[in-house]
Amino acid sequence: MPPGLTVTAGWFHGNRPFAHADLTGANLRGARLIGADLRRASFGLADLTGADLRTASLHGADLARSLFLSQSQLDAADGDTSTKLPPSLTRPAQWSPPAKSSTPTS
């Protein structure tokens, strides 16, 4: 995704896969990201003001440098211990640990 991308409301709605998306610098103000697959997406300097993250999958996503992300947005989303958060926010207790690989290590 190019820097400066503006997402219109509903663009991510409906569980569309955006796993591994580079959302650096994106304007996600007010975007409905309900149920979106945002696993391992990068949100560097992305504006998340008012974005609806209910049940969005943020497993392994990098939100550390996102802008205007709130605790209530995180609490409504799904993530795990591999999700990178801004230092001012707390990982929700209901988030799961990262999925274990089913590949045996010998």
N, C-alpha and C. Protein backbone atom coordinates (compact mmCIF):
# COMPACT_ATOMS: atom_id res chain seq x y z
N MET A 1 0.85 -1.17 0.00
CA MET A 1 0.00 0.00 0.00
C MET A 1 0.90 1.24 0.00
N PRO A 2 0.61 2.20 -0.82
CA PRO A 2 1.46 3.38 -0.89
C PRO A 2 1.27 4.30 0.31
N PRO A 3 2.35 5.01 0.71
CA PRO A 3 2.20 5.99 1.78
C PRO A 3 1.14 7.02 1.39
N GLY A 4 0.39 7.47 2.37
CA GLY A 4 -0.64 8.46 2.10
C GLY A 4 -1.96 7.87 1.68
N LEU A 5 -2.07 6.54 1.67
CA LEU A 5 -3.32 5.87 1.31
C LEU A 5 -4.43 6.33 2.23
N THR A 6 -5.57 6.66 1.68
CA THR A 6 -6.76 6.98 2.45
C THR A 6 -7.77 5.87 2.24
N VAL A 7 -8.24 5.31 3.34
CA VAL A 7 -9.20 4.22 3.27
C VAL A 7 -10.59 4.76 3.55
N THR A 8 -11.51 4.53 2.64
CA THR A 8 -12.88 4.97 2.86
C THR A 8 -13.58 3.98 3.77
N ALA A 9 -14.58 4.45 4.48
CA ALA A 9 -15.32 3.60 5.41
C ALA A 9 -15.84 2.37 4.67
N GLY A 10 -15.62 1.22 5.26
CA GLY A 10 -16.12 -0.02 4.70
C GLY A 10 -15.15 -0.74 3.79
N TRP A 11 -14.04 -0.13 3.45
CA TRP A 11 -13.11 -0.73 2.50
C TRP A 11 -12.58 -2.07 2.98
N PHE A 12 -12.34 -2.22 4.28
CA PHE A 12 -11.82 -3.45 4.83
C PHE A 12 -12.92 -4.36 5.39
N HIS A 13 -14.15 -3.90 5.40
CA HIS A 13 -15.24 -4.64 6.03
C HIS A 13 -15.49 -5.97 5.33
N GLY A 14 -15.89 -6.97 6.09
CA GLY A 14 -16.27 -8.24 5.50
C GLY A 14 -15.18 -9.28 5.52
N ASN A 15 -14.23 -9.16 6.44
CA ASN A 15 -13.19 -10.17 6.63
C ASN A 15 -12.29 -10.33 5.41
N ARG A 16 -12.08 -9.28 4.66
CA ARG A 16 -11.18 -9.35 3.52
C ARG A 16 -9.75 -9.51 4.02
N PRO A 17 -8.95 -10.32 3.35
CA PRO A 17 -7.59 -10.55 3.83
C PRO A 17 -6.63 -9.43 3.44
N PHE A 18 -6.05 -8.79 4.43
CA PHE A 18 -5.01 -7.80 4.22
C PHE A 18 -3.81 -8.17 5.06
N ALA A 19 -3.64 -9.47 5.29
CA ALA A 19 -2.50 -9.96 6.05
C ALA A 19 -1.22 -9.52 5.35
N HIS A 20 -0.26 -9.11 6.13
CA HIS A 20 1.06 -8.66 5.65
C HIS A 20 1.00 -7.31 4.92
N ALA A 21 -0.12 -6.61 4.97
CA ALA A 21 -0.25 -5.34 4.26
C ALA A 21 0.68 -4.29 4.85
N ASP A 22 1.27 -3.48 4.00
CA ASP A 22 2.07 -2.34 4.45
C ASP A 22 1.15 -1.13 4.44
N LEU A 23 0.67 -0.76 5.63
CA LEU A 23 -0.25 0.37 5.77
C LEU A 23 0.48 1.59 6.33
N THR A 24 1.77 1.66 6.11
CA THR A 24 2.58 2.78 6.58
C THR A 24 2.03 4.09 6.03
N GLY A 25 1.74 5.02 6.93
CA GLY A 25 1.26 6.34 6.54
C GLY A 25 -0.18 6.38 6.07
N ALA A 26 -0.90 5.29 6.18
CA ALA A 26 -2.29 5.26 5.70
C ALA A 26 -3.20 6.09 6.59
N ASN A 27 -4.20 6.70 5.98
CA ASN A 27 -5.23 7.43 6.72
C ASN A 27 -6.40 6.47 6.90
N LEU A 28 -6.51 5.89 8.10
CA LEU A 28 -7.56 4.93 8.40
C LEU A 28 -8.61 5.53 9.33
N ARG A 29 -8.69 6.87 9.36
CA ARG A 29 -9.67 7.57 10.22
C ARG A 29 -11.07 7.09 9.91
N GLY A 30 -11.74 6.56 10.94
CA GLY A 30 -13.13 6.16 10.80
C GLY A 30 -13.37 4.93 9.94
N ALA A 31 -12.30 4.27 9.51
CA ALA A 31 -12.47 3.08 8.66
C ALA A 31 -13.11 1.95 9.46
N ARG A 32 -14.00 1.23 8.82
CA ARG A 32 -14.62 0.06 9.44
C ARG A 32 -13.76 -1.15 9.12
N LEU A 33 -12.98 -1.55 10.08
CA LEU A 33 -12.08 -2.68 9.92
C LEU A 33 -12.63 -3.91 10.64
N ILE A 34 -13.94 -3.96 10.78
CA ILE A 34 -14.61 -5.02 11.52
C ILE A 34 -14.30 -6.38 10.89
N GLY A 35 -13.69 -7.26 11.69
CA GLY A 35 -13.39 -8.61 11.22
C GLY A 35 -12.31 -8.70 10.17
N ALA A 36 -11.60 -7.61 9.90
CA ALA A 36 -10.57 -7.62 8.86
C ALA A 36 -9.38 -8.48 9.26
N ASP A 37 -8.80 -9.16 8.29
CA ASP A 37 -7.60 -9.97 8.51
C ASP A 37 -6.40 -9.05 8.31
N LEU A 38 -5.86 -8.56 9.42
CA LEU A 38 -4.73 -7.64 9.39
C LEU A 38 -3.49 -8.27 10.03
N ARG A 39 -3.44 -9.61 10.01
CA ARG A 39 -2.30 -10.30 10.61
C ARG A 39 -0.99 -9.85 9.97
N ARG A 40 -0.02 -9.56 10.83
CA ARG A 40 1.33 -9.16 10.43
C ARG A 40 1.37 -7.92 9.54
N ALA A 41 0.32 -7.11 9.58
CA ALA A 41 0.31 -5.84 8.84
C ALA A 41 1.17 -4.82 9.58
N SER A 42 1.71 -3.87 8.84
CA SER A 42 2.53 -2.81 9.41
C SER A 42 1.75 -1.50 9.37
N PHE A 43 1.64 -0.85 10.55
CA PHE A 43 0.84 0.37 10.69
C PHE A 43 1.70 1.58 11.04
N GLY A 44 2.95 1.64 10.61
CA GLY A 44 3.83 2.75 10.94
C GLY A 44 3.24 4.09 10.51
N LEU A 45 3.03 4.99 11.45
CA LEU A 45 2.49 6.33 11.23
C LEU A 45 1.11 6.32 10.56
N ALA A 46 0.39 5.20 10.65
CA ALA A 46 -0.99 5.14 10.15
C ALA A 46 -1.92 5.79 11.17
N ASP A 47 -2.82 6.63 10.69
CA ASP A 47 -3.78 7.32 11.56
C ASP A 47 -4.99 6.42 11.78
N LEU A 48 -5.15 5.95 13.03
CA LEU A 48 -6.24 5.03 13.37
C LEU A 48 -7.35 5.72 14.16
N THR A 49 -7.44 7.04 14.09
CA THR A 49 -8.47 7.77 14.80
C THR A 49 -9.85 7.24 14.45
N GLY A 50 -10.56 6.72 15.44
CA GLY A 50 -11.93 6.28 15.24
C GLY A 50 -12.11 5.04 14.39
N ALA A 51 -11.03 4.36 14.02
CA ALA A 51 -11.17 3.13 13.22
C ALA A 51 -11.85 2.06 14.07
N ASP A 52 -12.78 1.34 13.47
CA ASP A 52 -13.52 0.30 14.17
C ASP A 52 -12.78 -1.02 13.98
N LEU A 53 -12.11 -1.48 15.04
CA LEU A 53 -11.29 -2.69 14.98
C LEU A 53 -11.98 -3.89 15.62
N ARG A 54 -13.29 -3.84 15.81
CA ARG A 54 -13.98 -4.96 16.45
C ARG A 54 -13.70 -6.26 15.69
N THR A 55 -13.21 -7.24 16.42
CA THR A 55 -12.87 -8.59 15.95
C THR A 55 -11.85 -8.61 14.81
N ALA A 56 -11.20 -7.49 14.52
CA ALA A 56 -10.13 -7.50 13.51
C ALA A 56 -8.98 -8.34 14.04
N SER A 57 -8.37 -9.13 13.17
CA SER A 57 -7.24 -9.97 13.55
C SER A 57 -5.95 -9.18 13.42
N LEU A 58 -5.35 -8.87 14.56
CA LEU A 58 -4.10 -8.11 14.60
C LEU A 58 -2.93 -8.98 15.04
N HIS A 59 -3.06 -10.28 14.90
CA HIS A 59 -2.01 -11.22 15.32
C HIS A 59 -0.71 -10.91 14.58
N GLY A 60 0.33 -10.59 15.33
CA GLY A 60 1.63 -10.31 14.75
C GLY A 60 1.75 -8.96 14.06
N ALA A 61 0.72 -8.14 14.11
CA ALA A 61 0.77 -6.82 13.46
C ALA A 61 1.70 -5.88 14.22
N ASP A 62 2.25 -4.90 13.51
CA ASP A 62 3.12 -3.91 14.14
C ASP A 62 2.37 -2.59 14.23
N LEU A 63 1.87 -2.32 15.44
CA LEU A 63 1.13 -1.09 15.72
C LEU A 63 1.97 -0.12 16.55
N ALA A 64 3.23 -0.43 16.77
CA ALA A 64 4.08 0.33 17.69
C ALA A 64 4.18 1.80 17.33
N ARG A 65 4.18 2.14 16.06
CA ARG A 65 4.33 3.53 15.63
C ARG A 65 3.05 4.09 15.02
N SER A 66 1.91 3.41 15.26
CA SER A 66 0.64 3.91 14.73
C SER A 66 0.25 5.18 15.48
N LEU A 67 -0.63 5.95 14.89
CA LEU A 67 -1.06 7.21 15.47
C LEU A 67 -2.51 7.11 15.96
N PHE A 68 -2.75 7.63 17.14
CA PHE A 68 -4.09 7.79 17.70
C PHE A 68 -4.84 6.48 17.93
N LEU A 69 -4.12 5.41 18.19
CA LEU A 69 -4.73 4.13 18.55
C LEU A 69 -5.12 4.21 20.02
N SER A 70 -6.32 3.74 20.36
CA SER A 70 -6.78 3.81 21.75
C SER A 70 -6.86 2.41 22.37
N GLN A 71 -6.88 2.39 23.68
CA GLN A 71 -6.99 1.12 24.39
C GLN A 71 -8.32 0.44 24.06
N SER A 72 -9.39 1.20 23.93
CA SER A 72 -10.69 0.59 23.63
C SER A 72 -10.68 -0.06 22.24
N GLN A 73 -9.94 0.49 21.29
CA GLN A 73 -9.83 -0.14 19.98
C GLN A 73 -9.12 -1.48 20.10
N LEU A 74 -8.03 -1.51 20.86
CA LEU A 74 -7.30 -2.77 21.07
C LEU A 74 -8.16 -3.80 21.78
N ASP A 75 -8.89 -3.37 22.79
CA ASP A 75 -9.73 -4.27 23.57
C ASP A 75 -10.80 -4.94 22.70
N ALA A 76 -11.23 -4.28 21.65
CA ALA A 76 -12.27 -4.82 20.77
C ALA A 76 -11.71 -5.72 19.67
N ALA A 77 -10.39 -5.70 19.49
CA ALA A 77 -9.75 -6.48 18.42
C ALA A 77 -9.21 -7.80 18.97
N ASP A 78 -8.76 -8.64 18.07
CA ASP A 78 -8.10 -9.89 18.42
C ASP A 78 -6.62 -9.76 18.09
N GLY A 79 -5.79 -10.24 19.00
CA GLY A 79 -4.35 -10.20 18.77
C GLY A 79 -3.67 -11.25 19.61
N ASP A 80 -2.36 -11.17 19.69
CA ASP A 80 -1.60 -12.10 20.50
C ASP A 80 -0.34 -11.44 21.02
N THR A 81 0.50 -12.20 21.68
CA THR A 81 1.70 -11.62 22.29
C THR A 81 2.73 -11.19 21.26
N SER A 82 2.56 -11.58 19.99
CA SER A 82 3.50 -11.13 18.96
C SER A 82 3.07 -9.80 18.33
N THR A 83 1.89 -9.28 18.70
CA THR A 83 1.43 -7.98 18.21
C THR A 83 2.24 -6.88 18.90
N LYS A 84 2.86 -6.01 18.12
CA LYS A 84 3.66 -4.92 18.68
C LYS A 84 2.76 -3.72 18.93
N LEU A 85 2.81 -3.22 20.17
CA LEU A 85 1.94 -2.12 20.59
C LEU A 85 2.74 -0.87 20.94
N PRO A 86 2.09 0.30 20.85
CA PRO A 86 2.74 1.52 21.35
C PRO A 86 2.97 1.37 22.85
N PRO A 87 4.05 1.96 23.38
CA PRO A 87 4.37 1.79 24.80
C PRO A 87 3.30 2.31 25.74
N SER A 88 2.45 3.20 25.29
CA SER A 88 1.42 3.78 26.16
C SER A 88 0.18 2.89 26.31
N LEU A 89 0.10 1.80 25.53
CA LEU A 89 -1.07 0.93 25.57
C LEU A 89 -0.72 -0.43 26.15
N THR A 90 -1.75 -1.12 26.64
CA THR A 90 -1.58 -2.40 27.31
C THR A 90 -2.20 -3.53 26.49
N ARG A 91 -1.49 -4.64 26.41
CA ARG A 91 -2.01 -5.80 25.71
C ARG A 91 -3.26 -6.32 26.42
N PRO A 92 -4.39 -6.46 25.72
CA PRO A 92 -5.60 -6.96 26.37
C PRO A 92 -5.40 -8.37 26.92
N ALA A 93 -5.96 -8.63 28.09
CA ALA A 93 -5.80 -9.92 28.76
C ALA A 93 -6.37 -11.07 27.94
N GLN A 94 -7.40 -10.82 27.15
CA GLN A 94 -8.03 -11.89 26.39
C GLN A 94 -7.25 -12.31 25.14
N TRP A 95 -6.21 -11.56 24.79
CA TRP A 95 -5.43 -11.92 23.61
C TRP A 95 -4.67 -13.20 23.88
N SER A 96 -4.56 -14.01 22.86
CA SER A 96 -3.91 -15.31 22.99
C SER A 96 -2.40 -15.20 22.77
N PRO A 97 -1.68 -16.24 23.23
CA PRO A 97 -0.26 -16.31 22.87
C PRO A 97 -0.16 -16.60 21.37
N PRO A 98 1.02 -16.38 20.75
CA PRO A 98 1.14 -16.65 19.32
C PRO A 98 0.91 -18.13 19.03
N ALA A 99 0.39 -18.41 17.85
CA ALA A 99 0.14 -19.79 17.45
C ALA A 99 1.47 -20.54 17.34
N LYS A 100 1.46 -21.77 17.82
CA LYS A 100 2.66 -22.60 17.73
C LYS A 100 2.70 -23.28 16.38
N SER A 101 3.89 -23.40 15.87
CA SER A 101 4.09 -24.07 14.60
C SER A 101 3.79 -25.54 14.75
N SER A 102 3.14 -26.13 13.76
CA SER A 102 2.86 -27.56 13.81
C SER A 102 4.02 -28.36 13.24
N THR A 103 5.06 -27.67 12.76
CA THR A 103 6.23 -28.34 12.23
C THR A 103 7.13 -28.78 13.37
N PRO A 104 7.43 -30.08 13.42
CA PRO A 104 8.29 -30.54 14.51
C PRO A 104 9.71 -30.02 14.35
N THR A 105 10.33 -29.70 15.45
CA THR A 105 11.73 -29.25 15.42
C THR A 105 12.58 -30.39 15.96
N SER A 106 13.53 -30.81 15.16
CA SER A 106 14.36 -31.94 15.55
C SER A 106 15.76 -31.49 15.88
